[in-house]
Amino acid sequence: MRMPRFFFHIRSNGSSRSRDYLGLSFPDVETAADEALRQAQGLKRVFKARGEDPRDHAIEIESEEGDIVLILSFADVFDDTPGVIVPQSQQRRAQGEA
């Protein structure tokens, strides 16, 4: 069985976005979110080295179908209260499956 591919885009200051064109394969969204959290911790040093506040950024996780399935705010990660924002379309879809 083929694992779905997820793309990790970096959103800066709520507007500009650095796109991931390669993506990574994971068994599910939860595993992709765990990887995004791990990567966000590593990116903290990169932003600080550039003189940027890492809390001004977020990781958007996009499915291979082109849907943004999760948004991980760096502010939550770096304030030691990890949080994931689930887009409304995903919330409605999940509620319909329950």
N, C-alpha and C. Protein backbone atom coordinates (compact mmCIF):
# COMPACT_ATOMS: atom_id res chain seq x y z
N MET A 1 0.85 -1.19 0.00
CA MET A 1 0.00 0.00 0.00
C MET A 1 0.89 1.25 0.00
N ARG A 2 0.59 2.17 -0.86
CA ARG A 2 1.36 3.40 -0.99
C ARG A 2 0.94 4.40 0.07
N MET A 3 1.95 5.02 0.72
CA MET A 3 1.66 6.04 1.73
C MET A 3 1.41 7.38 1.04
N PRO A 4 0.49 8.17 1.59
CA PRO A 4 0.23 9.50 1.01
C PRO A 4 1.42 10.44 1.21
N ARG A 5 1.54 11.39 0.31
CA ARG A 5 2.61 12.39 0.35
C ARG A 5 2.05 13.68 0.92
N PHE A 6 2.86 14.32 1.77
CA PHE A 6 2.50 15.60 2.38
C PHE A 6 3.59 16.62 2.08
N PHE A 7 3.18 17.86 1.88
CA PHE A 7 4.10 18.95 1.55
C PHE A 7 4.10 19.93 2.72
N PHE A 8 5.29 20.40 3.09
CA PHE A 8 5.47 21.27 4.25
C PHE A 8 5.88 22.66 3.78
N HIS A 9 4.93 23.58 3.74
CA HIS A 9 5.21 24.95 3.30
C HIS A 9 5.43 25.82 4.53
N ILE A 10 6.31 26.80 4.41
CA ILE A 10 6.55 27.75 5.50
C ILE A 10 5.84 29.05 5.18
N ARG A 11 4.91 29.44 6.05
CA ARG A 11 4.17 30.70 5.91
C ARG A 11 4.86 31.72 6.80
N SER A 12 5.22 32.87 6.22
CA SER A 12 5.91 33.91 6.98
C SER A 12 5.03 35.13 7.14
N ASN A 13 4.90 35.61 8.37
CA ASN A 13 4.13 36.81 8.68
C ASN A 13 2.72 36.78 8.08
N GLY A 14 2.16 35.60 7.96
CA GLY A 14 0.80 35.48 7.48
C GLY A 14 0.60 35.73 6.00
N SER A 15 1.68 36.04 5.25
CA SER A 15 1.47 36.35 3.84
C SER A 15 2.34 35.53 2.91
N SER A 16 3.65 35.74 2.91
CA SER A 16 4.50 35.04 1.95
C SER A 16 4.63 33.56 2.34
N ARG A 17 4.90 32.74 1.33
CA ARG A 17 4.96 31.30 1.58
C ARG A 17 6.11 30.68 0.79
N SER A 18 6.91 29.89 1.47
CA SER A 18 7.97 29.11 0.85
C SER A 18 7.39 27.72 0.59
N ARG A 19 7.35 27.32 -0.67
CA ARG A 19 6.70 26.06 -1.04
C ARG A 19 7.65 24.87 -1.02
N ASP A 20 7.14 23.76 -0.57
CA ASP A 20 7.82 22.48 -0.61
C ASP A 20 7.28 21.74 -1.84
N TYR A 21 8.14 21.51 -2.83
CA TYR A 21 7.70 20.85 -4.05
C TYR A 21 7.97 19.35 -4.05
N LEU A 22 8.74 18.87 -3.08
CA LEU A 22 9.09 17.45 -3.04
C LEU A 22 8.16 16.64 -2.14
N GLY A 23 7.91 17.16 -0.95
CA GLY A 23 7.05 16.46 0.00
C GLY A 23 7.70 15.22 0.57
N LEU A 24 7.03 14.64 1.53
CA LEU A 24 7.46 13.41 2.20
C LEU A 24 6.25 12.50 2.36
N SER A 25 6.50 11.21 2.36
CA SER A 25 5.42 10.23 2.53
C SER A 25 5.30 9.82 3.99
N PHE A 26 4.06 9.82 4.47
CA PHE A 26 3.75 9.40 5.83
C PHE A 26 2.47 8.58 5.81
N PRO A 27 2.27 7.72 6.80
CA PRO A 27 1.06 6.90 6.79
C PRO A 27 -0.23 7.70 7.02
N ASP A 28 -0.12 8.87 7.72
CA ASP A 28 -1.32 9.64 8.02
C ASP A 28 -0.95 11.09 8.38
N VAL A 29 -1.96 11.92 8.53
CA VAL A 29 -1.77 13.33 8.86
C VAL A 29 -1.11 13.49 10.22
N GLU A 30 -1.48 12.66 11.18
CA GLU A 30 -0.92 12.77 12.53
C GLU A 30 0.59 12.58 12.52
N THR A 31 1.07 11.61 11.74
CA THR A 31 2.51 11.37 11.65
C THR A 31 3.20 12.53 10.96
N ALA A 32 2.56 13.08 9.92
CA ALA A 32 3.11 14.26 9.24
C ALA A 32 3.19 15.44 10.20
N ALA A 33 2.17 15.61 11.06
CA ALA A 33 2.17 16.70 12.03
C ALA A 33 3.29 16.52 13.06
N ASP A 34 3.54 15.29 13.47
CA ASP A 34 4.65 15.02 14.39
C ASP A 34 5.97 15.43 13.77
N GLU A 35 6.15 15.12 12.49
CA GLU A 35 7.38 15.49 11.79
C GLU A 35 7.48 17.01 11.67
N ALA A 36 6.37 17.68 11.39
CA ALA A 36 6.37 19.14 11.28
C ALA A 36 6.79 19.76 12.61
N LEU A 37 6.31 19.23 13.70
CA LEU A 37 6.68 19.74 15.03
C LEU A 37 8.18 19.56 15.26
N ARG A 38 8.70 18.41 14.91
CA ARG A 38 10.14 18.15 15.06
C ARG A 38 10.96 19.10 14.20
N GLN A 39 10.53 19.32 12.96
CA GLN A 39 11.25 20.22 12.06
C GLN A 39 11.18 21.67 12.53
N ALA A 40 10.04 22.07 13.07
CA ALA A 40 9.89 23.44 13.57
C ALA A 40 10.91 23.73 14.66
N GLN A 41 11.14 22.77 15.52
CA GLN A 41 12.14 22.96 16.59
C GLN A 41 13.52 23.22 15.99
N GLY A 42 13.86 22.50 14.92
CA GLY A 42 15.14 22.68 14.27
C GLY A 42 15.25 24.00 13.53
N LEU A 43 14.14 24.50 13.02
CA LEU A 43 14.15 25.76 12.27
C LEU A 43 14.30 26.98 13.16
N LYS A 44 14.06 26.81 14.44
CA LYS A 44 14.15 27.94 15.37
C LYS A 44 15.52 28.61 15.27
N ARG A 45 16.58 27.82 15.22
CA ARG A 45 17.95 28.37 15.11
C ARG A 45 18.15 29.10 13.79
N VAL A 46 17.58 28.58 12.73
CA VAL A 46 17.72 29.19 11.41
C VAL A 46 17.11 30.59 11.40
N PHE A 47 15.91 30.72 11.92
CA PHE A 47 15.25 32.03 11.96
C PHE A 47 16.02 33.01 12.84
N LYS A 48 16.46 32.53 13.99
CA LYS A 48 17.22 33.42 14.89
C LYS A 48 18.52 33.87 14.25
N ALA A 49 19.20 32.99 13.51
CA ALA A 49 20.44 33.36 12.83
C ALA A 49 20.20 34.44 11.77
N ARG A 50 19.01 34.46 11.20
CA ARG A 50 18.65 35.48 10.21
C ARG A 50 18.15 36.76 10.87
N GLY A 51 18.03 36.75 12.18
CA GLY A 51 17.51 37.91 12.88
C GLY A 51 16.00 38.02 12.81
N GLU A 52 15.32 36.91 12.54
CA GLU A 52 13.86 36.88 12.44
C GLU A 52 13.27 36.25 13.70
N ASP A 53 12.10 36.70 14.06
CA ASP A 53 11.38 36.08 15.18
C ASP A 53 10.70 34.82 14.65
N PRO A 54 11.10 33.66 15.13
CA PRO A 54 10.50 32.42 14.61
C PRO A 54 8.99 32.35 14.82
N ARG A 55 8.49 33.08 15.81
CA ARG A 55 7.05 33.03 16.09
C ARG A 55 6.21 33.73 15.03
N ASP A 56 6.87 34.38 14.05
CA ASP A 56 6.15 35.03 12.95
C ASP A 56 5.89 34.06 11.80
N HIS A 57 6.15 32.77 12.02
CA HIS A 57 6.05 31.79 10.94
C HIS A 57 5.15 30.62 11.34
N ALA A 58 4.74 29.86 10.34
CA ALA A 58 3.94 28.66 10.56
C ALA A 58 4.27 27.65 9.47
N ILE A 59 4.03 26.38 9.77
CA ILE A 59 4.15 25.34 8.75
C ILE A 59 2.75 24.95 8.32
N GLU A 60 2.51 25.01 7.03
CA GLU A 60 1.26 24.52 6.45
C GLU A 60 1.53 23.14 5.87
N ILE A 61 0.73 22.18 6.26
CA ILE A 61 0.87 20.83 5.71
C ILE A 61 -0.22 20.64 4.66
N GLU A 62 0.23 20.36 3.45
CA GLU A 62 -0.70 20.19 2.32
C GLU A 62 -0.71 18.73 1.90
N SER A 63 -1.90 18.20 1.65
CA SER A 63 -2.01 16.82 1.16
C SER A 63 -1.66 16.77 -0.32
N GLU A 64 -1.46 15.58 -0.83
CA GLU A 64 -1.15 15.46 -2.25
C GLU A 64 -2.34 15.85 -3.13
N GLU A 65 -3.51 15.94 -2.53
CA GLU A 65 -4.69 16.41 -3.28
C GLU A 65 -4.75 17.93 -3.35
N GLY A 66 -3.85 18.61 -2.63
CA GLY A 66 -3.80 20.07 -2.66
C GLY A 66 -4.57 20.75 -1.54
N ASP A 67 -5.04 19.99 -0.55
CA ASP A 67 -5.75 20.56 0.59
C ASP A 67 -4.77 20.86 1.72
N ILE A 68 -4.91 22.05 2.34
CA ILE A 68 -4.14 22.34 3.55
C ILE A 68 -4.83 21.58 4.67
N VAL A 69 -4.15 20.57 5.22
CA VAL A 69 -4.78 19.72 6.22
C VAL A 69 -4.46 20.15 7.65
N LEU A 70 -3.32 20.82 7.85
CA LEU A 70 -2.96 21.32 9.18
C LEU A 70 -2.07 22.54 9.05
N ILE A 71 -2.18 23.41 10.03
CA ILE A 71 -1.29 24.57 10.13
C ILE A 71 -0.69 24.55 11.53
N LEU A 72 0.63 24.47 11.59
CA LEU A 72 1.34 24.44 12.86
C LEU A 72 1.98 25.80 13.08
N SER A 73 1.47 26.53 14.05
CA SER A 73 1.99 27.85 14.38
C SER A 73 3.29 27.73 15.15
N PHE A 74 4.35 28.38 14.65
CA PHE A 74 5.63 28.36 15.36
C PHE A 74 5.50 29.06 16.71
N ALA A 75 4.61 30.04 16.82
CA ALA A 75 4.42 30.73 18.10
C ALA A 75 4.02 29.73 19.17
N ASP A 76 3.14 28.81 18.84
CA ASP A 76 2.73 27.78 19.80
C ASP A 76 3.89 26.86 20.14
N VAL A 77 4.66 26.48 19.14
CA VAL A 77 5.79 25.57 19.34
C VAL A 77 6.84 26.21 20.24
N PHE A 78 7.19 27.46 19.95
CA PHE A 78 8.28 28.11 20.65
C PHE A 78 7.87 28.67 22.00
N ASP A 79 6.58 28.77 22.26
CA ASP A 79 6.11 29.18 23.57
C ASP A 79 5.83 27.96 24.45
N ASP A 80 6.29 26.79 23.97
CA ASP A 80 6.16 25.51 24.69
C ASP A 80 4.71 25.09 24.92
N THR A 81 3.82 25.54 24.04
CA THR A 81 2.43 25.08 24.10
C THR A 81 2.03 24.68 22.69
N PRO A 82 2.59 23.53 22.19
CA PRO A 82 2.34 23.15 20.81
C PRO A 82 0.86 23.11 20.48
N GLY A 83 0.53 23.70 19.36
CA GLY A 83 -0.85 23.71 18.90
C GLY A 83 -0.91 23.51 17.41
N VAL A 84 -1.94 22.88 16.97
CA VAL A 84 -2.15 22.66 15.56
C VAL A 84 -3.51 23.21 15.20
N ILE A 85 -3.55 23.97 14.13
CA ILE A 85 -4.80 24.53 13.66
C ILE A 85 -5.33 23.64 12.55
N VAL A 86 -6.55 23.19 12.68
CA VAL A 86 -7.16 22.35 11.67
C VAL A 86 -8.10 23.23 10.85
N PRO A 87 -7.84 23.35 9.52
CA PRO A 87 -8.73 24.17 8.69
C PRO A 87 -10.18 23.72 8.80
N GLN A 88 -11.10 24.65 8.65
CA GLN A 88 -12.53 24.36 8.77
C GLN A 88 -12.96 23.22 7.86
N SER A 89 -12.46 23.17 6.63
CA SER A 89 -12.87 22.12 5.71
C SER A 89 -12.53 20.74 6.26
N GLN A 90 -11.38 20.61 6.93
CA GLN A 90 -10.98 19.35 7.52
C GLN A 90 -11.84 19.01 8.73
N GLN A 91 -12.22 20.03 9.53
CA GLN A 91 -13.06 19.80 10.68
C GLN A 91 -14.42 19.26 10.25
N ARG A 92 -14.99 19.87 9.21
CA ARG A 92 -16.29 19.41 8.72
C ARG A 92 -16.19 17.99 8.18
N ARG A 93 -15.11 17.70 7.44
CA ARG A 93 -14.91 16.38 6.88
C ARG A 93 -14.79 15.35 8.00
N ALA A 94 -14.01 15.64 9.05
CA ALA A 94 -13.80 14.72 10.17
C ALA A 94 -15.11 14.49 10.92
N GLN A 95 -15.90 15.54 11.10
CA GLN A 95 -17.17 15.40 11.81
C GLN A 95 -18.14 14.54 11.01
N GLY A 96 -18.07 14.63 9.70
CA GLY A 96 -18.94 13.82 8.86
C GLY A 96 -18.58 12.36 8.90
N GLU A 97 -17.31 12.04 9.19
CA GLU A 97 -16.86 10.66 9.26
C GLU A 97 -17.18 10.02 10.60
N ALA A 98 -17.39 10.83 11.62
CA ALA A 98 -17.62 10.29 12.97
C ALA A 98 -19.00 9.69 13.11
